[in-house]
Structure formats: C-alpha cells, structure tokens
Amino acid sequence: MERYYANPRYGLPEWAYDMLRLWRQYQGGGMGGSGHMPELVMEQPAIMVEAFDIMSSAEAELKPDKT
C-alpha cells in the first residue's frame, strides 16, 4: 500500500479536473440518466474514449466486490 503525506489531488493539473468532469457527465452523473459525450458521438477523439475506458476500469477496481 502506498502512503501519501499530502493529498495527491493537489498535484493534479487543471486539465485533469476537466477530464474528470467530462467523464462523470459521460456516465450520466451530470447530464441526466443517459450520459453525455462532449462531441458528436462519431467525432470523439480516440484518446478521450480510451481515457474514459481507463477511468471506468479504475473505478470498477476500487468498488467493493458485490458477490
């Protein structure tokens, strides 16, 4: 287990918070139940879609197992 002596979020650049906000909106957390993509569906930058997948996978790993 890693130890942090300062909250790691204070070292994040502003763009990381923007990305987190967009990801939460994509999940439906900010734009109703259906989710929201920042651009038209077929015009999403591939790197953004990949980042959303990575963030969703990381979140799933942190959730307790429901078995």
N, C-alpha and C. Protein backbone atom coordinates (compact mmCIF):
# COMPACT_ATOMS: atom_id res chain seq x y z
N MET A 1 0.84 -1.17 0.00
CA MET A 1 0.00 0.00 0.00
C MET A 1 0.89 1.25 0.00
N GLU A 2 0.55 2.19 -0.87
CA GLU A 2 1.31 3.43 -0.94
C GLU A 2 0.86 4.38 0.15
N ARG A 3 1.80 5.14 0.67
CA ARG A 3 1.49 6.18 1.66
C ARG A 3 1.66 7.53 1.00
N TYR A 4 0.70 8.37 1.23
CA TYR A 4 0.78 9.75 0.74
C TYR A 4 0.84 10.68 1.95
N TYR A 5 1.78 11.59 1.94
CA TYR A 5 1.93 12.54 3.03
C TYR A 5 1.22 13.85 2.73
N ALA A 6 0.77 13.99 1.51
CA ALA A 6 -0.06 15.12 1.10
C ALA A 6 -1.11 14.55 0.15
N ASN A 7 -2.25 15.17 0.10
CA ASN A 7 -3.32 14.70 -0.77
C ASN A 7 -2.86 14.78 -2.23
N PRO A 8 -2.84 13.65 -2.95
CA PRO A 8 -2.34 13.64 -4.33
C PRO A 8 -3.15 14.52 -5.28
N ARG A 9 -4.39 14.78 -4.95
CA ARG A 9 -5.21 15.60 -5.84
C ARG A 9 -4.68 17.02 -5.98
N TYR A 10 -3.92 17.49 -4.98
CA TYR A 10 -3.37 18.84 -5.07
C TYR A 10 -2.27 18.95 -6.11
N GLY A 11 -1.75 17.83 -6.57
CA GLY A 11 -0.72 17.84 -7.60
C GLY A 11 -1.27 17.68 -9.01
N LEU A 12 -2.59 17.54 -9.14
CA LEU A 12 -3.19 17.35 -10.46
C LEU A 12 -3.30 18.66 -11.21
N PRO A 13 -3.01 18.64 -12.50
CA PRO A 13 -3.19 19.86 -13.30
C PRO A 13 -4.68 20.12 -13.56
N GLU A 14 -5.00 21.32 -13.93
CA GLU A 14 -6.40 21.73 -14.15
C GLU A 14 -7.09 20.86 -15.20
N TRP A 15 -6.34 20.47 -16.25
CA TRP A 15 -6.96 19.68 -17.31
C TRP A 15 -7.47 18.33 -16.77
N ALA A 16 -6.84 17.81 -15.73
CA ALA A 16 -7.26 16.53 -15.16
C ALA A 16 -8.65 16.67 -14.53
N TYR A 17 -8.90 17.80 -13.89
CA TYR A 17 -10.23 18.05 -13.32
C TYR A 17 -11.27 18.21 -14.43
N ASP A 18 -10.88 18.85 -15.53
CA ASP A 18 -11.78 18.99 -16.67
C ASP A 18 -12.14 17.61 -17.23
N MET A 19 -11.14 16.75 -17.34
CA MET A 19 -11.36 15.41 -17.87
C MET A 19 -12.27 14.61 -16.94
N LEU A 20 -12.07 14.74 -15.65
CA LEU A 20 -12.92 14.05 -14.68
C LEU A 20 -14.37 14.53 -14.80
N ARG A 21 -14.57 15.83 -14.94
CA ARG A 21 -15.91 16.38 -15.10
C ARG A 21 -16.59 15.82 -16.36
N LEU A 22 -15.85 15.79 -17.47
CA LEU A 22 -16.40 15.25 -18.72
C LEU A 22 -16.74 13.77 -18.58
N TRP A 23 -15.88 13.02 -17.90
CA TRP A 23 -16.11 11.59 -17.71
C TRP A 23 -17.37 11.35 -16.88
N ARG A 24 -17.55 12.13 -15.81
CA ARG A 24 -18.75 11.99 -14.98
C ARG A 24 -20.01 12.34 -15.77
N GLN A 25 -19.93 13.35 -16.62
CA GLN A 25 -21.08 13.69 -17.46
C GLN A 25 -21.36 12.56 -18.44
N TYR A 26 -20.31 11.98 -18.98
CA TYR A 26 -20.44 10.84 -19.90
C TYR A 26 -21.16 9.68 -19.22
N GLN A 27 -20.88 9.49 -17.93
CA GLN A 27 -21.52 8.40 -17.19
C GLN A 27 -22.97 8.71 -16.85
N GLY A 28 -23.39 9.92 -17.06
CA GLY A 28 -24.75 10.29 -16.72
C GLY A 28 -24.85 11.05 -15.42
N GLY A 29 -23.73 11.28 -14.77
CA GLY A 29 -23.74 11.96 -13.49
C GLY A 29 -24.06 13.44 -13.57
N GLY A 30 -23.88 14.05 -14.72
CA GLY A 30 -24.12 15.48 -14.80
C GLY A 30 -25.13 15.89 -15.84
N MET A 31 -25.55 14.97 -16.67
CA MET A 31 -26.45 15.34 -17.75
C MET A 31 -27.68 14.42 -17.80
N GLY A 32 -28.16 13.97 -16.67
CA GLY A 32 -29.31 13.07 -16.67
C GLY A 32 -28.88 11.62 -16.75
N GLY A 33 -29.82 10.72 -16.94
CA GLY A 33 -29.53 9.30 -16.89
C GLY A 33 -28.90 8.71 -18.13
N SER A 34 -28.93 9.43 -19.25
CA SER A 34 -28.48 8.82 -20.50
C SER A 34 -27.00 9.02 -20.79
N GLY A 35 -26.32 9.86 -20.05
CA GLY A 35 -24.93 10.12 -20.33
C GLY A 35 -24.77 11.20 -21.38
N HIS A 36 -23.56 11.63 -21.59
CA HIS A 36 -23.30 12.74 -22.49
C HIS A 36 -21.85 12.66 -22.97
N MET A 37 -21.67 12.79 -24.26
CA MET A 37 -20.32 12.87 -24.81
C MET A 37 -20.06 14.32 -25.20
N PRO A 38 -18.84 14.80 -25.00
CA PRO A 38 -18.54 16.21 -25.27
C PRO A 38 -18.72 16.60 -26.74
N GLU A 39 -18.48 15.70 -27.65
CA GLU A 39 -18.62 15.97 -29.08
C GLU A 39 -19.69 15.05 -29.64
N LEU A 40 -20.00 15.20 -30.91
CA LEU A 40 -20.89 14.25 -31.56
C LEU A 40 -20.29 12.86 -31.42
N VAL A 41 -21.14 11.85 -31.29
CA VAL A 41 -20.67 10.50 -30.96
C VAL A 41 -19.56 10.01 -31.87
N MET A 42 -19.67 10.18 -33.15
CA MET A 42 -18.66 9.65 -34.07
C MET A 42 -17.44 10.57 -34.18
N GLU A 43 -17.44 11.72 -33.49
CA GLU A 43 -16.33 12.64 -33.60
C GLU A 43 -15.50 12.72 -32.32
N GLN A 44 -15.67 11.76 -31.42
CA GLN A 44 -14.88 11.76 -30.19
C GLN A 44 -13.42 11.46 -30.50
N PRO A 45 -12.51 12.21 -29.92
CA PRO A 45 -11.10 11.85 -30.08
C PRO A 45 -10.86 10.46 -29.48
N ALA A 46 -10.14 9.62 -30.18
CA ALA A 46 -9.88 8.26 -29.70
C ALA A 46 -9.21 8.27 -28.34
N ILE A 47 -8.34 9.23 -28.10
CA ILE A 47 -7.64 9.28 -26.82
C ILE A 47 -8.60 9.58 -25.67
N MET A 48 -9.66 10.36 -25.93
CA MET A 48 -10.65 10.65 -24.90
C MET A 48 -11.47 9.41 -24.58
N VAL A 49 -11.89 8.69 -25.61
CA VAL A 49 -12.67 7.47 -25.39
C VAL A 49 -11.82 6.46 -24.62
N GLU A 50 -10.55 6.34 -24.96
CA GLU A 50 -9.65 5.43 -24.25
C GLU A 50 -9.47 5.87 -22.79
N ALA A 51 -9.34 7.18 -22.58
CA ALA A 51 -9.20 7.69 -21.21
C ALA A 51 -10.46 7.39 -20.39
N PHE A 52 -11.64 7.55 -20.99
CA PHE A 52 -12.89 7.24 -20.29
C PHE A 52 -12.92 5.76 -19.91
N ASP A 53 -12.47 4.89 -20.81
CA ASP A 53 -12.43 3.45 -20.51
C ASP A 53 -11.47 3.16 -19.35
N ILE A 54 -10.32 3.81 -19.37
CA ILE A 54 -9.35 3.61 -18.29
C ILE A 54 -9.92 4.08 -16.95
N MET A 55 -10.56 5.24 -16.95
CA MET A 55 -11.13 5.77 -15.70
C MET A 55 -12.26 4.87 -15.20
N SER A 56 -13.08 4.36 -16.11
CA SER A 56 -14.17 3.46 -15.71
C SER A 56 -13.62 2.15 -15.15
N SER A 57 -12.56 1.63 -15.76
CA SER A 57 -11.94 0.39 -15.25
C SER A 57 -11.33 0.60 -13.88
N ALA A 58 -10.66 1.73 -13.70
CA ALA A 58 -10.05 2.03 -12.39
C ALA A 58 -11.13 2.18 -11.32
N GLU A 59 -12.22 2.83 -11.67
CA GLU A 59 -13.31 2.98 -10.70
C GLU A 59 -13.90 1.62 -10.33
N ALA A 60 -14.07 0.74 -11.32
CA ALA A 60 -14.61 -0.60 -11.06
C ALA A 60 -13.70 -1.40 -10.13
N GLU A 61 -12.39 -1.24 -10.28
CA GLU A 61 -11.44 -1.95 -9.40
C GLU A 61 -11.54 -1.47 -7.95
N LEU A 62 -11.91 -0.20 -7.76
CA LEU A 62 -11.99 0.36 -6.42
C LEU A 62 -13.30 0.03 -5.69
N LYS A 63 -14.32 -0.35 -6.46
CA LYS A 63 -15.61 -0.67 -5.85
C LYS A 63 -15.54 -2.03 -5.17
N PRO A 64 -16.21 -2.18 -4.04
CA PRO A 64 -16.21 -3.49 -3.38
C PRO A 64 -16.90 -4.56 -4.24
N ASP A 65 -16.42 -5.76 -4.12
CA ASP A 65 -17.00 -6.88 -4.86
C ASP A 65 -18.41 -7.16 -4.34
N LYS A 66 -19.37 -7.29 -5.24
CA LYS A 66 -20.77 -7.47 -4.84
C LYS A 66 -21.20 -8.94 -4.86
N THR A 67 -20.28 -9.87 -4.74
CA THR A 67 -20.64 -11.28 -4.77
C THR A 67 -20.95 -11.79 -3.39
